[in-house]
Amino acid sequence: MRARFTVLAALATGVGLGLAGCGQQPAVTSHAGQEGLATVSASEADPVSAWAEGYCGAAGGLVRTLASLPSVDPSSPRQASRTSGELMAAVVRGLDRTTAALDDLGPAPVAGGDTSRADAVVQLEGIRARADDVRHRLDSSTDPEATKTALRDARTSLDELDRLDLLRGLRDVPQLAAASSRIPVCQELVKQPR
């Protein structure tokens, strides 16, 4: 149950990242007395499922961000540097949104959930700090060697994202693992890319 991030192109020819999309959970219809039908999300009735769904939604937000990263233009060193800086800025914004979404989940309804989330946030913040540093260096670099180093570091940041396993936090908590196995948005994150 690992969200897969795949780096598609080497930094020398342009940096690109492709990711599997993330589905939306369909509504489940339940009977609400004699008055008619009410549409209720499957997770609304179960706090563990609701929290797991929110966690997967946050992870899915990062997947969607990374799937729509701007392209790197390798036509010249200057263009590669400029467009790599734009790509890293998009990565930073995606990491910020994902971290905020994880922070907004509220307390986990089961023991271990808050620790798992905190561990994920620490990982995201570390990658974000390194990606933002690379972005600043790409934006301000005028020296070709410094630019090459920054481009290699951009590749390293993308490789970190490629190895990131945000769903580990759910797998490590049995109740959250069980809940996530029933939630479509979580299951979309674990599908292997084709």
N, C-alpha and C. Protein backbone atom coordinates (compact mmCIF):
# COMPACT_ATOMS: atom_id res chain seq x y z
N MET A 1 0.85 -1.18 0.00
CA MET A 1 0.00 0.00 0.00
C MET A 1 0.88 1.23 0.00
N ARG A 2 1.65 1.40 -1.05
CA ARG A 2 2.55 2.53 -1.15
C ARG A 2 2.13 3.37 -2.33
N ALA A 3 1.93 4.67 -2.09
CA ALA A 3 1.64 5.56 -3.20
C ALA A 3 2.88 5.62 -4.07
N ARG A 4 2.74 5.41 -5.35
CA ARG A 4 3.89 5.35 -6.25
C ARG A 4 4.05 6.68 -6.97
N PHE A 5 5.25 7.24 -6.86
CA PHE A 5 5.63 8.43 -7.60
C PHE A 5 6.72 7.98 -8.57
N THR A 6 6.62 8.32 -9.85
CA THR A 6 7.59 7.88 -10.83
C THR A 6 8.21 9.07 -11.52
N VAL A 7 9.52 9.20 -11.44
CA VAL A 7 10.23 10.27 -12.12
C VAL A 7 10.41 9.84 -13.56
N LEU A 8 9.95 10.63 -14.51
CA LEU A 8 9.92 10.23 -15.90
C LEU A 8 11.13 10.65 -16.72
N ALA A 9 11.78 11.72 -16.37
CA ALA A 9 12.88 12.19 -17.22
C ALA A 9 14.07 12.58 -16.39
N ALA A 10 15.24 12.35 -16.91
CA ALA A 10 16.47 12.73 -16.22
C ALA A 10 16.58 14.25 -16.22
N LEU A 11 17.22 14.79 -15.20
CA LEU A 11 17.34 16.24 -15.08
C LEU A 11 18.13 16.84 -16.23
N ALA A 12 19.07 16.12 -16.79
CA ALA A 12 19.88 16.65 -17.89
C ALA A 12 19.02 16.98 -19.10
N THR A 13 17.92 16.25 -19.29
CA THR A 13 17.05 16.50 -20.44
C THR A 13 15.74 17.14 -20.04
N GLY A 14 15.57 17.40 -18.78
CA GLY A 14 14.34 18.01 -18.28
C GLY A 14 13.78 17.17 -17.17
N VAL A 15 13.19 17.83 -16.21
CA VAL A 15 12.67 17.14 -15.07
C VAL A 15 11.16 17.05 -15.22
N GLY A 16 10.65 15.86 -15.09
CA GLY A 16 9.20 15.69 -15.15
C GLY A 16 8.79 14.64 -14.15
N LEU A 17 7.61 14.75 -13.67
CA LEU A 17 7.12 13.77 -12.72
C LEU A 17 5.71 13.40 -13.13
N GLY A 18 5.44 12.11 -13.27
CA GLY A 18 4.08 11.68 -13.59
C GLY A 18 3.53 10.86 -12.44
N LEU A 19 2.30 11.06 -12.13
CA LEU A 19 1.70 10.34 -11.01
C LEU A 19 0.31 9.85 -11.36
N ALA A 20 -0.06 8.79 -10.70
CA ALA A 20 -1.41 8.27 -10.88
C ALA A 20 -2.41 9.26 -10.30
N GLY A 21 -3.53 9.44 -10.97
CA GLY A 21 -4.58 10.33 -10.46
C GLY A 21 -5.24 9.74 -9.25
N CYS A 22 -6.00 10.55 -8.62
CA CYS A 22 -6.65 10.11 -7.39
C CYS A 22 -8.15 10.24 -7.58
N GLY A 23 -8.86 9.18 -7.34
CA GLY A 23 -10.32 9.19 -7.53
C GLY A 23 -11.05 9.83 -6.38
N GLN A 24 -12.29 10.06 -6.58
CA GLN A 24 -13.16 10.60 -5.54
C GLN A 24 -14.06 9.50 -5.03
N GLN A 25 -14.34 9.51 -3.75
CA GLN A 25 -15.21 8.50 -3.17
C GLN A 25 -16.65 8.75 -3.58
N PRO A 26 -17.29 7.72 -4.10
CA PRO A 26 -18.70 7.90 -4.45
C PRO A 26 -19.56 7.96 -3.20
N ALA A 27 -20.67 8.64 -3.31
CA ALA A 27 -21.59 8.72 -2.18
C ALA A 27 -22.31 7.39 -2.04
N VAL A 28 -22.67 7.05 -0.83
CA VAL A 28 -23.43 5.83 -0.55
C VAL A 28 -24.81 6.28 -0.12
N THR A 29 -25.83 5.68 -0.69
CA THR A 29 -27.19 6.07 -0.36
C THR A 29 -27.70 5.21 0.77
N SER A 30 -28.29 5.86 1.78
CA SER A 30 -28.88 5.12 2.89
C SER A 30 -30.31 5.61 3.08
N HIS A 31 -31.16 4.74 3.57
CA HIS A 31 -32.55 5.13 3.81
C HIS A 31 -32.64 5.97 5.08
N ALA A 32 -33.39 7.05 4.99
CA ALA A 32 -33.57 7.93 6.14
C ALA A 32 -35.05 7.94 6.50
N GLY A 33 -35.48 6.89 7.17
CA GLY A 33 -36.88 6.78 7.61
C GLY A 33 -37.81 6.73 6.42
N GLN A 34 -39.06 7.19 6.61
CA GLN A 34 -40.08 7.19 5.57
C GLN A 34 -40.00 8.44 4.71
N GLU A 35 -39.12 9.41 5.06
CA GLU A 35 -39.07 10.70 4.38
C GLU A 35 -38.45 10.62 2.99
N GLY A 36 -37.73 9.58 2.66
CA GLY A 36 -37.05 9.49 1.37
C GLY A 36 -35.63 9.01 1.56
N LEU A 37 -34.78 9.38 0.65
CA LEU A 37 -33.40 8.93 0.69
C LEU A 37 -32.48 10.08 1.05
N ALA A 38 -31.43 9.76 1.77
CA ALA A 38 -30.40 10.75 2.09
C ALA A 38 -29.08 10.20 1.60
N THR A 39 -28.26 11.06 1.04
CA THR A 39 -26.95 10.64 0.57
C THR A 39 -25.94 10.91 1.68
N VAL A 40 -25.22 9.86 2.06
CA VAL A 40 -24.27 9.95 3.15
C VAL A 40 -22.98 9.27 2.71
N SER A 41 -21.86 9.92 2.92
CA SER A 41 -20.57 9.29 2.64
C SER A 41 -20.41 8.12 3.59
N ALA A 42 -19.83 7.04 3.10
CA ALA A 42 -19.63 5.85 3.93
C ALA A 42 -18.81 6.17 5.17
N SER A 43 -17.90 7.14 5.05
CA SER A 43 -17.03 7.45 6.18
C SER A 43 -17.67 8.36 7.22
N GLU A 44 -18.78 9.03 6.88
CA GLU A 44 -19.40 9.95 7.83
C GLU A 44 -19.89 9.23 9.07
N ALA A 45 -20.28 7.99 8.92
CA ALA A 45 -20.80 7.23 10.06
C ALA A 45 -19.69 6.63 10.90
N ASP A 46 -18.47 6.63 10.42
CA ASP A 46 -17.35 6.00 11.10
C ASP A 46 -16.19 6.99 11.20
N PRO A 47 -15.88 7.47 12.41
CA PRO A 47 -14.82 8.47 12.56
C PRO A 47 -13.45 7.97 12.09
N VAL A 48 -13.17 6.68 12.23
CA VAL A 48 -11.88 6.14 11.79
C VAL A 48 -11.80 6.23 10.26
N SER A 49 -12.88 5.82 9.60
CA SER A 49 -12.91 5.91 8.13
C SER A 49 -12.85 7.36 7.66
N ALA A 50 -13.56 8.24 8.34
CA ALA A 50 -13.55 9.65 7.96
C ALA A 50 -12.14 10.23 8.06
N TRP A 51 -11.43 9.89 9.13
CA TRP A 51 -10.08 10.41 9.32
C TRP A 51 -9.15 9.82 8.25
N ALA A 52 -9.26 8.52 7.99
CA ALA A 52 -8.43 7.88 6.96
C ALA A 52 -8.73 8.48 5.59
N GLU A 53 -10.00 8.76 5.32
CA GLU A 53 -10.36 9.37 4.04
C GLU A 53 -9.75 10.76 3.91
N GLY A 54 -9.76 11.54 5.00
CA GLY A 54 -9.13 12.86 4.98
C GLY A 54 -7.63 12.77 4.76
N TYR A 55 -7.01 11.79 5.39
CA TYR A 55 -5.57 11.58 5.24
C TYR A 55 -5.26 11.24 3.77
N CYS A 56 -6.03 10.32 3.20
CA CYS A 56 -5.82 9.94 1.80
C CYS A 56 -6.12 11.11 0.87
N GLY A 57 -7.11 11.91 1.22
CA GLY A 57 -7.41 13.08 0.42
C GLY A 57 -6.24 14.05 0.39
N ALA A 58 -5.58 14.23 1.54
CA ALA A 58 -4.40 15.10 1.60
C ALA A 58 -3.28 14.53 0.73
N ALA A 59 -3.05 13.24 0.84
CA ALA A 59 -2.01 12.59 0.02
C ALA A 59 -2.37 12.69 -1.46
N GLY A 60 -3.64 12.50 -1.77
CA GLY A 60 -4.10 12.61 -3.15
C GLY A 60 -3.90 14.01 -3.72
N GLY A 61 -4.01 15.02 -2.86
CA GLY A 61 -3.76 16.38 -3.30
C GLY A 61 -2.33 16.55 -3.79
N LEU A 62 -1.39 15.93 -3.08
CA LEU A 62 0.01 15.99 -3.50
C LEU A 62 0.19 15.23 -4.81
N VAL A 63 -0.46 14.10 -4.93
CA VAL A 63 -0.38 13.32 -6.18
C VAL A 63 -0.87 14.17 -7.35
N ARG A 64 -2.01 14.84 -7.18
CA ARG A 64 -2.56 15.67 -8.26
C ARG A 64 -1.62 16.82 -8.59
N THR A 65 -1.03 17.44 -7.57
CA THR A 65 -0.08 18.53 -7.81
C THR A 65 1.10 18.03 -8.63
N LEU A 66 1.65 16.92 -8.23
CA LEU A 66 2.83 16.41 -8.91
C LEU A 66 2.51 15.91 -10.32
N ALA A 67 1.29 15.47 -10.51
CA ALA A 67 0.88 15.02 -11.85
C ALA A 67 0.74 16.19 -12.82
N SER A 68 0.60 17.39 -12.30
CA SER A 68 0.40 18.54 -13.18
C SER A 68 1.55 19.54 -13.08
N LEU A 69 2.73 19.05 -12.76
CA LEU A 69 3.89 19.94 -12.67
C LEU A 69 4.20 20.55 -14.03
N PRO A 70 4.71 21.78 -14.03
CA PRO A 70 5.10 22.38 -15.30
C PRO A 70 6.28 21.62 -15.91
N SER A 71 6.42 21.73 -17.20
CA SER A 71 7.51 21.06 -17.91
C SER A 71 8.80 21.84 -17.78
N VAL A 72 9.90 21.11 -17.87
CA VAL A 72 11.21 21.74 -17.89
C VAL A 72 11.63 21.87 -19.35
N ASP A 73 12.10 23.04 -19.70
CA ASP A 73 12.57 23.31 -21.06
C ASP A 73 14.09 23.18 -21.08
N PRO A 74 14.62 22.08 -21.64
CA PRO A 74 16.06 21.87 -21.64
C PRO A 74 16.77 22.49 -22.84
N SER A 75 16.10 23.40 -23.58
CA SER A 75 16.68 23.96 -24.80
C SER A 75 17.95 24.76 -24.57
N SER A 76 18.10 25.30 -23.38
CA SER A 76 19.33 26.02 -23.03
C SER A 76 19.51 25.92 -21.52
N PRO A 77 20.74 26.09 -21.05
CA PRO A 77 20.95 26.06 -19.60
C PRO A 77 20.09 27.08 -18.86
N ARG A 78 19.94 28.27 -19.44
CA ARG A 78 19.14 29.32 -18.79
C ARG A 78 17.68 28.90 -18.70
N GLN A 79 17.14 28.35 -19.80
CA GLN A 79 15.75 27.90 -19.80
C GLN A 79 15.56 26.72 -18.85
N ALA A 80 16.51 25.80 -18.83
CA ALA A 80 16.41 24.66 -17.92
C ALA A 80 16.39 25.13 -16.48
N SER A 81 17.23 26.11 -16.17
CA SER A 81 17.27 26.64 -14.81
C SER A 81 15.96 27.35 -14.46
N ARG A 82 15.48 28.20 -15.38
CA ARG A 82 14.25 28.96 -15.11
C ARG A 82 13.05 28.03 -14.94
N THR A 83 12.90 27.09 -15.87
CA THR A 83 11.73 26.21 -15.81
C THR A 83 11.84 25.19 -14.69
N SER A 84 13.07 24.80 -14.33
CA SER A 84 13.24 23.93 -13.16
C SER A 84 12.87 24.67 -11.89
N GLY A 85 13.19 25.97 -11.84
CA GLY A 85 12.79 26.78 -10.69
C GLY A 85 11.27 26.86 -10.57
N GLU A 86 10.58 26.99 -11.71
CA GLU A 86 9.12 27.01 -11.71
C GLU A 86 8.56 25.67 -11.23
N LEU A 87 9.18 24.60 -11.68
CA LEU A 87 8.76 23.27 -11.25
C LEU A 87 8.92 23.11 -9.74
N MET A 88 10.08 23.55 -9.22
CA MET A 88 10.31 23.43 -7.78
C MET A 88 9.36 24.31 -6.98
N ALA A 89 8.99 25.47 -7.52
CA ALA A 89 8.01 26.32 -6.85
C ALA A 89 6.66 25.60 -6.77
N ALA A 90 6.27 24.90 -7.85
CA ALA A 90 5.02 24.13 -7.84
C ALA A 90 5.09 22.99 -6.82
N VAL A 91 6.25 22.34 -6.72
CA VAL A 91 6.44 21.28 -5.72
C VAL A 91 6.25 21.84 -4.32
N VAL A 92 6.87 22.99 -4.05
CA VAL A 92 6.78 23.62 -2.73
C VAL A 92 5.32 23.95 -2.40
N ARG A 93 4.60 24.51 -3.36
CA ARG A 93 3.18 24.85 -3.11
C ARG A 93 2.37 23.58 -2.83
N GLY A 94 2.62 22.51 -3.58
CA GLY A 94 1.91 21.25 -3.36
C GLY A 94 2.21 20.66 -1.99
N LEU A 95 3.47 20.73 -1.59
CA LEU A 95 3.84 20.23 -0.26
C LEU A 95 3.20 21.07 0.84
N ASP A 96 3.14 22.38 0.63
CA ASP A 96 2.48 23.26 1.61
C ASP A 96 1.01 22.90 1.76
N ARG A 97 0.32 22.71 0.63
CA ARG A 97 -1.11 22.37 0.69
C ARG A 97 -1.34 21.02 1.37
N THR A 98 -0.49 20.06 1.06
CA THR A 98 -0.65 18.73 1.65
C THR A 98 -0.40 18.77 3.15
N THR A 99 0.64 19.48 3.57
CA THR A 99 0.93 19.61 4.99
C THR A 99 -0.23 20.29 5.71
N ALA A 100 -0.76 21.35 5.11
CA ALA A 100 -1.90 22.05 5.72
C ALA A 100 -3.11 21.13 5.82
N ALA A 101 -3.36 20.34 4.78
CA ALA A 101 -4.51 19.42 4.80
C ALA A 101 -4.33 18.36 5.89
N LEU A 102 -3.12 17.87 6.06
CA LEU A 102 -2.87 16.89 7.13
C LEU A 102 -3.05 17.54 8.50
N ASP A 103 -2.57 18.77 8.63
CA ASP A 103 -2.72 19.49 9.91
C ASP A 103 -4.19 19.76 10.23
N ASP A 104 -5.01 19.96 9.20
CA ASP A 104 -6.42 20.29 9.39
C ASP A 104 -7.30 19.07 9.71
N LEU A 105 -6.73 17.88 9.69
CA LEU A 105 -7.53 16.68 9.95
C LEU A 105 -8.12 16.63 11.35
N GLY A 106 -7.50 17.27 12.27
CA GLY A 106 -7.96 17.15 13.65
C GLY A 106 -7.37 15.90 14.28
N PRO A 107 -7.64 15.68 15.55
CA PRO A 107 -7.05 14.54 16.25
C PRO A 107 -7.52 13.21 15.65
N ALA A 108 -6.59 12.27 15.59
CA ALA A 108 -6.93 10.93 15.08
C ALA A 108 -7.85 10.24 16.08
N PRO A 109 -8.82 9.47 15.60
CA PRO A 109 -9.76 8.79 16.49
C PRO A 109 -9.19 7.50 17.08
N VAL A 110 -7.97 7.13 16.68
CA VAL A 110 -7.34 5.91 17.20
C VAL A 110 -5.90 6.20 17.58
N ALA A 111 -5.40 5.44 18.55
CA ALA A 111 -4.01 5.60 18.99
C ALA A 111 -3.07 5.31 17.82
N GLY A 112 -2.05 6.12 17.69
CA GLY A 112 -1.05 5.93 16.65
C GLY A 112 -1.29 6.80 15.43
N GLY A 113 -2.50 7.23 15.21
CA GLY A 113 -2.82 8.05 14.03
C GLY A 113 -2.12 9.40 14.06
N ASP A 114 -2.13 10.06 15.21
CA ASP A 114 -1.49 11.36 15.30
C ASP A 114 0.02 11.26 15.12
N THR A 115 0.62 10.20 15.63
CA THR A 115 2.06 10.00 15.46
C THR A 115 2.39 9.75 14.00
N SER A 116 1.59 8.94 13.33
CA SER A 116 1.80 8.67 11.92
C SER A 116 1.68 9.94 11.09
N ARG A 117 0.67 10.74 11.39
CA ARG A 117 0.49 11.99 10.67
C ARG A 117 1.67 12.93 10.93
N ALA A 118 2.09 13.04 12.19
CA ALA A 118 3.21 13.92 12.53
C ALA A 118 4.49 13.48 11.80
N ASP A 119 4.71 12.18 11.70
CA ASP A 119 5.88 11.67 10.97
C ASP A 119 5.80 12.06 9.50
N ALA A 120 4.62 11.94 8.90
CA ALA A 120 4.44 12.31 7.49
C ALA A 120 4.70 13.80 7.29
N VAL A 121 4.19 14.62 8.21
CA VAL A 121 4.38 16.07 8.10
C VAL A 121 5.87 16.42 8.21
N VAL A 122 6.59 15.76 9.10
CA VAL A 122 8.02 16.02 9.23
C VAL A 122 8.74 15.68 7.92
N GLN A 123 8.39 14.55 7.32
CA GLN A 123 8.99 14.19 6.03
C GLN A 123 8.68 15.23 4.97
N LEU A 124 7.43 15.63 4.88
CA LEU A 124 7.02 16.62 3.88
C LEU A 124 7.73 17.95 4.09
N GLU A 125 7.83 18.38 5.35
CA GLU A 125 8.48 19.65 5.63
C GLU A 125 9.97 19.61 5.29
N GLY A 126 10.61 18.47 5.51
CA GLY A 126 12.02 18.33 5.15
C GLY A 126 12.23 18.43 3.65
N ILE A 127 11.40 17.72 2.90
CA ILE A 127 11.50 17.78 1.44
C ILE A 127 11.18 19.18 0.95
N ARG A 128 10.19 19.81 1.56
CA ARG A 128 9.80 21.16 1.18
C ARG A 128 10.95 22.14 1.39
N ALA A 129 11.63 22.05 2.53
CA ALA A 129 12.74 22.96 2.82
C ALA A 129 13.86 22.79 1.79
N ARG A 130 14.17 21.55 1.44
CA ARG A 130 15.22 21.31 0.45
C ARG A 130 14.79 21.78 -0.94
N ALA A 131 13.53 21.54 -1.30
CA ALA A 131 13.03 21.96 -2.60
C ALA A 131 13.00 23.49 -2.70
N ASP A 132 12.63 24.16 -1.63
CA ASP A 132 12.59 25.62 -1.63
C ASP A 132 14.00 26.19 -1.72
N ASP A 133 14.96 25.56 -1.04
CA ASP A 133 16.36 25.99 -1.14
C ASP A 133 16.84 25.87 -2.58
N VAL A 134 16.53 24.76 -3.23
CA VAL A 134 16.92 24.56 -4.63
C VAL A 134 16.26 25.63 -5.50
N ARG A 135 14.98 25.88 -5.26
CA ARG A 135 14.27 26.90 -6.04
C ARG A 135 14.96 28.26 -5.93
N HIS A 136 15.33 28.64 -4.71
CA HIS A 136 16.02 29.93 -4.51
C HIS A 136 17.35 29.95 -5.25
N ARG A 137 18.09 28.85 -5.17
CA ARG A 137 19.39 28.81 -5.85
C ARG A 137 19.22 28.86 -7.37
N LEU A 138 18.20 28.19 -7.89
CA LEU A 138 17.96 28.25 -9.34
C LEU A 138 17.56 29.65 -9.77
N ASP A 139 16.74 30.31 -8.96
CA ASP A 139 16.28 31.66 -9.29
C ASP A 139 17.40 32.69 -9.26
N SER A 140 18.40 32.49 -8.41
CA SER A 140 19.43 33.51 -8.23
C SER A 140 20.77 33.15 -8.85
N SER A 141 20.92 31.96 -9.35
CA SER A 141 22.21 31.50 -9.85
C SER A 141 22.56 32.14 -11.19
N THR A 142 23.80 32.63 -11.27
CA THR A 142 24.34 33.14 -12.53
C THR A 142 25.57 32.35 -12.95
N ASP A 143 26.10 31.57 -12.05
CA ASP A 143 27.28 30.75 -12.30
C ASP A 143 26.85 29.39 -12.88
N PRO A 144 27.39 28.97 -14.02
CA PRO A 144 26.99 27.70 -14.62
C PRO A 144 27.20 26.48 -13.71
N GLU A 145 28.27 26.48 -12.96
CA GLU A 145 28.52 25.34 -12.06
C GLU A 145 27.51 25.31 -10.92
N ALA A 146 27.19 26.48 -10.37
CA ALA A 146 26.19 26.54 -9.30
C ALA A 146 24.83 26.12 -9.84
N THR A 147 24.54 26.48 -11.08
CA THR A 147 23.28 26.07 -11.70
C THR A 147 23.23 24.56 -11.87
N LYS A 148 24.33 23.97 -12.34
CA LYS A 148 24.38 22.51 -12.50
C LYS A 148 24.17 21.81 -11.17
N THR A 149 24.78 22.33 -10.12
CA THR A 149 24.62 21.74 -8.79
C THR A 149 23.16 21.86 -8.34
N ALA A 150 22.57 23.02 -8.55
CA ALA A 150 21.16 23.22 -8.17
C ALA A 150 20.25 22.28 -8.97
N LEU A 151 20.54 22.09 -10.25
CA LEU A 151 19.73 21.17 -11.05
C LEU A 151 19.86 19.73 -10.54
N ARG A 152 21.06 19.33 -10.15
CA ARG A 152 21.24 17.99 -9.56
C ARG A 152 20.47 17.88 -8.25
N ASP A 153 20.49 18.96 -7.46
CA ASP A 153 19.76 18.95 -6.20
C ASP A 153 18.25 18.93 -6.43
N ALA A 154 17.80 19.55 -7.52
CA ALA A 154 16.36 19.48 -7.87
C ALA A 154 15.99 18.04 -8.15
N ARG A 155 16.85 17.35 -8.88
CA ARG A 155 16.61 15.93 -9.18
C ARG A 155 16.55 15.13 -7.88
N THR A 156 17.44 15.43 -6.95
CA THR A 156 17.45 14.73 -5.66
C THR A 156 16.13 14.96 -4.92
N SER A 157 15.61 16.18 -4.95
CA SER A 157 14.33 16.47 -4.29
C SER A 157 13.21 15.67 -4.93
N LEU A 158 13.21 15.58 -6.25
CA LEU A 158 12.18 14.80 -6.94
C LEU A 158 12.33 13.32 -6.63
N ASP A 159 13.56 12.87 -6.51
CA ASP A 159 13.78 11.47 -6.13
C ASP A 159 13.26 11.20 -4.71
N GLU A 160 13.40 12.18 -3.82
CA GLU A 160 12.84 12.03 -2.47
C GLU A 160 11.33 11.85 -2.54
N LEU A 161 10.69 12.63 -3.38
CA LEU A 161 9.24 12.50 -3.55
C LEU A 161 8.90 11.14 -4.14
N ASP A 162 9.74 10.65 -5.02
CA ASP A 162 9.52 9.35 -5.64
C ASP A 162 9.53 8.24 -4.58
N ARG A 163 10.37 8.38 -3.58
CA ARG A 163 10.50 7.36 -2.53
C ARG A 163 9.52 7.57 -1.37
N LEU A 164 8.84 8.69 -1.35
CA LEU A 164 7.94 9.03 -0.25
C LEU A 164 6.79 8.03 -0.16
N ASP A 165 6.53 7.57 1.03
CA ASP A 165 5.44 6.62 1.27
C ASP A 165 4.49 7.23 2.30
N LEU A 166 3.64 8.13 1.83
CA LEU A 166 2.72 8.81 2.74
C LEU A 166 1.71 7.87 3.39
N LEU A 167 1.39 6.78 2.72
CA LEU A 167 0.38 5.88 3.27
C LEU A 167 0.94 4.92 4.31
N ARG A 168 2.22 4.97 4.54
CA ARG A 168 2.81 4.12 5.57
C ARG A 168 2.15 4.40 6.92
N GLY A 169 1.86 5.67 7.18
CA GLY A 169 1.23 6.04 8.44
C GLY A 169 -0.10 5.34 8.65
N LEU A 170 -0.84 5.11 7.58
CA LEU A 170 -2.10 4.38 7.70
C LEU A 170 -1.85 2.89 7.89
N ARG A 171 -0.88 2.35 7.16
CA ARG A 171 -0.58 0.92 7.28
C ARG A 171 -0.08 0.56 8.68
N ASP A 172 0.60 1.49 9.33
CA ASP A 172 1.19 1.21 10.64
C ASP A 172 0.17 1.18 11.77
N VAL A 173 -1.04 1.62 11.51
CA VAL A 173 -2.10 1.63 12.53
C VAL A 173 -3.20 0.69 12.03
N PRO A 174 -3.36 -0.47 12.66
CA PRO A 174 -4.29 -1.48 12.14
C PRO A 174 -5.70 -0.98 11.83
N GLN A 175 -6.29 -0.17 12.71
CA GLN A 175 -7.64 0.32 12.45
C GLN A 175 -7.69 1.24 11.23
N LEU A 176 -6.65 2.06 11.05
CA LEU A 176 -6.60 2.95 9.89
C LEU A 176 -6.32 2.16 8.62
N ALA A 177 -5.48 1.12 8.73
CA ALA A 177 -5.21 0.27 7.57
C ALA A 177 -6.48 -0.42 7.10
N ALA A 178 -7.25 -0.94 8.06
CA ALA A 178 -8.50 -1.62 7.70
C ALA A 178 -9.48 -0.64 7.08
N ALA A 179 -9.60 0.54 7.66
CA ALA A 179 -10.52 1.54 7.11
C ALA A 179 -10.09 1.97 5.71
N SER A 180 -8.80 2.22 5.52
CA SER A 180 -8.33 2.69 4.22
C SER A 180 -8.50 1.65 3.13
N SER A 181 -8.55 0.38 3.52
CA SER A 181 -8.74 -0.68 2.51
C SER A 181 -10.16 -0.65 1.92
N ARG A 182 -11.08 0.06 2.59
CA ARG A 182 -12.46 0.15 2.12
C ARG A 182 -12.79 1.49 1.47
N ILE A 183 -11.83 2.40 1.44
CA ILE A 183 -12.09 3.76 0.96
C ILE A 183 -11.50 3.93 -0.44
N PRO A 184 -12.36 4.22 -1.41
CA PRO A 184 -11.88 4.33 -2.79
C PRO A 184 -10.73 5.33 -2.98
N VAL A 185 -10.79 6.49 -2.35
CA VAL A 185 -9.73 7.48 -2.54
C VAL A 185 -8.39 6.91 -2.05
N CYS A 186 -8.39 6.12 -1.02
CA CYS A 186 -7.16 5.49 -0.53
C CYS A 186 -6.70 4.41 -1.50
N GLN A 187 -7.63 3.63 -2.00
CA GLN A 187 -7.28 2.55 -2.92
C GLN A 187 -6.72 3.09 -4.23
N GLU A 188 -7.19 4.23 -4.68
CA GLU A 188 -6.65 4.84 -5.89
C GLU A 188 -5.17 5.19 -5.71
N LEU A 189 -4.79 5.54 -4.50
CA LEU A 189 -3.41 5.92 -4.23
C LEU A 189 -2.45 4.73 -4.27
N VAL A 190 -2.96 3.54 -4.08
CA VAL A 190 -2.08 2.38 -4.01
C VAL A 190 -2.03 1.60 -5.32
N LYS A 191 -2.80 2.00 -6.30
CA LYS A 191 -2.76 1.31 -7.58
C LYS A 191 -1.40 1.52 -8.23
N GLN A 192 -0.91 0.48 -8.83
CA GLN A 192 0.37 0.56 -9.53
C GLN A 192 0.18 1.35 -10.82
N PRO A 193 1.16 2.22 -11.15
CA PRO A 193 1.07 2.92 -12.43
C PRO A 193 1.20 1.92 -13.58
N ARG A 194 0.56 2.23 -14.68
CA ARG A 194 0.62 1.32 -15.84
C ARG A 194 1.67 1.75 -16.80
